[in-house]
Amino acid sequence: MGIVVGYVANPEGRAALQRAGEAAERYATSLVVVHSRRPGREVDAEDAEQLAAVHEAVRARLSAAGLSSQLREVPDSDDPADDLITAAEETGASLIVIGLRRRTPVGKLILGASAQRILLDAPCPVLAVKPED
């Protein structure tokens, strides 16, 4: 059992990772951070450094609480939703945490395809968070 979180280097990803870390502490469980990249998209040094720093801060906090975390890099991901669902299935996760961004009025009628797929196909509950203003 554990918590799986999708991370990308943006405010939504940071909010999801923060909330997932808090939930892992609260429920005294492990955390799996999934970082998916589209085929051919290289991570620049700044993105890699930011991911490492954010993950290390969460890892240190969980470690101090006696909990573990791991980072799963998916370098040639065709579908980030599939990466999260697979990680949740493989680990027997009790929760998936994803970040959502604000949308335009028209965009509010349609949930993002990845988020919708995760909500519908996840083997466990899904917590969708948004960054603070």
Protein backbone atom coordinates (compact mmCIF):
# COMPACT_ATOMS: atom_id res chain seq x y z
CA MET A 1 0.00 0.00 0.00
CA GLY A 2 1.14 3.52 -0.62
CA ILE A 3 0.49 6.72 -2.48
CA VAL A 4 1.35 7.38 -6.13
CA VAL A 5 1.77 10.95 -7.37
CA GLY A 6 2.30 12.31 -10.87
CA TYR A 7 4.95 15.02 -11.04
CA VAL A 8 5.81 17.55 -13.72
CA ALA A 9 7.94 20.67 -13.21
CA ASN A 10 5.14 23.22 -12.93
CA PRO A 11 2.94 24.65 -10.15
CA GLU A 12 0.40 21.85 -10.53
CA GLY A 13 3.08 19.18 -10.20
CA ARG A 14 4.60 20.84 -7.14
CA ALA A 15 1.15 21.13 -5.51
CA ALA A 16 0.43 17.44 -6.19
CA LEU A 17 3.79 16.36 -4.76
CA GLN A 18 3.34 18.54 -1.68
CA ARG A 19 -0.15 17.19 -0.99
CA ALA A 20 0.95 13.60 -1.65
CA GLY A 21 3.80 14.00 0.83
CA GLU A 22 1.39 15.33 3.43
CA ALA A 23 -0.97 12.40 2.83
CA ALA A 24 1.88 9.88 3.07
CA GLU A 25 2.84 11.36 6.43
CA ARG A 26 -0.74 11.46 7.67
CA TYR A 27 -1.43 7.84 6.71
CA ALA A 28 2.09 6.58 7.56
CA THR A 29 2.64 5.05 4.12
CA SER A 30 5.19 5.13 1.32
CA LEU A 31 5.19 7.50 -1.66
CA VAL A 32 5.96 6.73 -5.31
CA VAL A 33 6.69 9.80 -7.46
CA VAL A 34 6.09 9.17 -11.18
CA HIS A 35 7.79 11.57 -13.59
CA SER A 36 6.74 10.90 -17.20
CA ARG A 37 8.37 12.46 -20.25
CA ARG A 38 7.11 12.40 -23.82
CA PRO A 39 9.28 10.53 -26.36
CA GLY A 40 12.09 12.72 -27.64
CA ARG A 41 11.66 15.35 -24.92
CA GLU A 42 14.88 15.78 -23.05
CA VAL A 43 14.84 17.11 -19.51
CA ASP A 44 16.93 20.25 -19.33
CA ALA A 45 19.31 20.80 -16.43
CA GLU A 46 16.94 23.22 -14.69
CA ASP A 47 13.99 20.77 -14.81
CA ALA A 48 16.17 17.90 -13.56
CA GLU A 49 17.57 20.04 -10.75
CA GLN A 50 14.11 21.21 -9.72
CA LEU A 51 12.73 17.65 -9.71
CA ALA A 52 15.67 16.42 -7.64
CA ALA A 53 15.34 19.28 -5.13
CA VAL A 54 11.58 18.93 -4.71
CA HIS A 55 11.76 15.15 -4.43
CA GLU A 56 14.65 15.32 -1.96
CA ALA A 57 12.69 17.73 0.26
CA VAL A 58 9.72 15.35 0.28
CA ARG A 59 11.99 12.31 0.76
CA ALA A 60 13.74 13.98 3.72
CA ARG A 61 10.43 14.85 5.37
CA LEU A 62 9.08 11.32 4.90
CA SER A 63 12.36 9.76 6.02
CA ALA A 64 12.24 11.82 9.23
CA ALA A 65 8.78 10.33 9.81
CA GLY A 66 10.16 6.81 9.16
CA LEU A 67 8.52 6.54 5.71
CA SER A 68 10.01 5.75 2.31
CA SER A 69 9.67 7.25 -1.13
CA GLN A 70 10.92 6.39 -4.58
CA LEU A 71 11.15 8.24 -7.86
CA ARG A 72 10.10 6.46 -11.07
CA GLU A 73 11.34 8.12 -14.23
CA VAL A 74 9.45 7.15 -17.39
CA PRO A 75 11.66 8.63 -20.14
CA ASP A 76 9.62 7.70 -23.24
CA SER A 77 6.05 7.86 -22.03
CA ASP A 78 3.28 7.60 -24.57
CA ASP A 79 0.63 8.16 -21.90
CA PRO A 80 1.27 9.70 -18.46
CA ALA A 81 -2.15 8.46 -17.28
CA ASP A 82 -1.10 4.91 -18.07
CA ASP A 83 2.18 5.43 -16.17
CA LEU A 84 0.30 6.47 -13.03
CA ILE A 85 -2.30 3.71 -13.29
CA THR A 86 0.43 1.11 -13.83
CA ALA A 87 2.43 2.37 -10.85
CA ALA A 88 -0.70 2.25 -8.68
CA GLU A 89 -1.48 -1.30 -9.80
CA GLU A 90 2.10 -2.51 -9.31
CA THR A 91 2.39 -1.04 -5.82
CA GLY A 92 -1.15 -1.72 -4.64
CA ALA A 93 -1.56 2.01 -4.04
CA SER A 94 -4.36 3.25 -1.83
CA LEU A 95 -4.37 6.73 -3.45
CA ILE A 96 -3.23 8.55 -6.59
CA VAL A 97 -2.59 12.31 -6.40
CA ILE A 98 -2.63 14.47 -9.53
CA GLY A 99 -2.36 18.20 -10.12
CA LEU A 100 -4.93 20.10 -12.16
CA ARG A 101 -4.58 23.46 -13.83
CA ARG A 102 -7.20 26.14 -14.15
CA ARG A 103 -8.97 26.15 -17.48
CA THR A 104 -10.79 28.66 -19.61
CA PRO A 105 -14.60 28.79 -19.33
CA VAL A 106 -14.89 26.51 -22.37
CA GLY A 107 -12.14 24.23 -21.05
CA LYS A 108 -14.04 23.79 -17.80
CA LEU A 109 -16.67 21.82 -19.69
CA ILE A 110 -14.07 19.21 -20.61
CA LEU A 111 -11.65 17.71 -18.10
CA GLY A 112 -8.18 17.06 -19.48
CA ALA A 113 -7.94 13.67 -21.20
CA SER A 114 -5.19 12.36 -18.88
CA ALA A 115 -6.96 13.47 -15.73
CA GLN A 116 -10.24 12.01 -16.92
CA ARG A 117 -8.62 8.68 -17.76
CA ILE A 118 -6.93 8.50 -14.36
CA LEU A 119 -10.20 9.28 -12.57
CA LEU A 120 -12.10 6.64 -14.54
CA ASP A 121 -9.50 3.85 -14.74
CA ALA A 122 -7.54 4.14 -11.48
CA PRO A 123 -7.64 1.08 -9.23
CA CYS A 124 -7.95 3.33 -6.16
CA PRO A 125 -9.28 6.77 -5.15
CA VAL A 126 -7.78 9.82 -6.89
CA LEU A 127 -7.09 13.16 -5.23
CA ALA A 128 -6.95 16.07 -7.68
CA VAL A 129 -5.28 19.22 -6.34
CA LYS A 130 -4.63 22.66 -7.74
CA PRO A 131 -1.83 25.05 -6.86
CA GLU A 132 -2.50 27.88 -4.47
CA ASP A 133 -3.07 31.25 -6.07
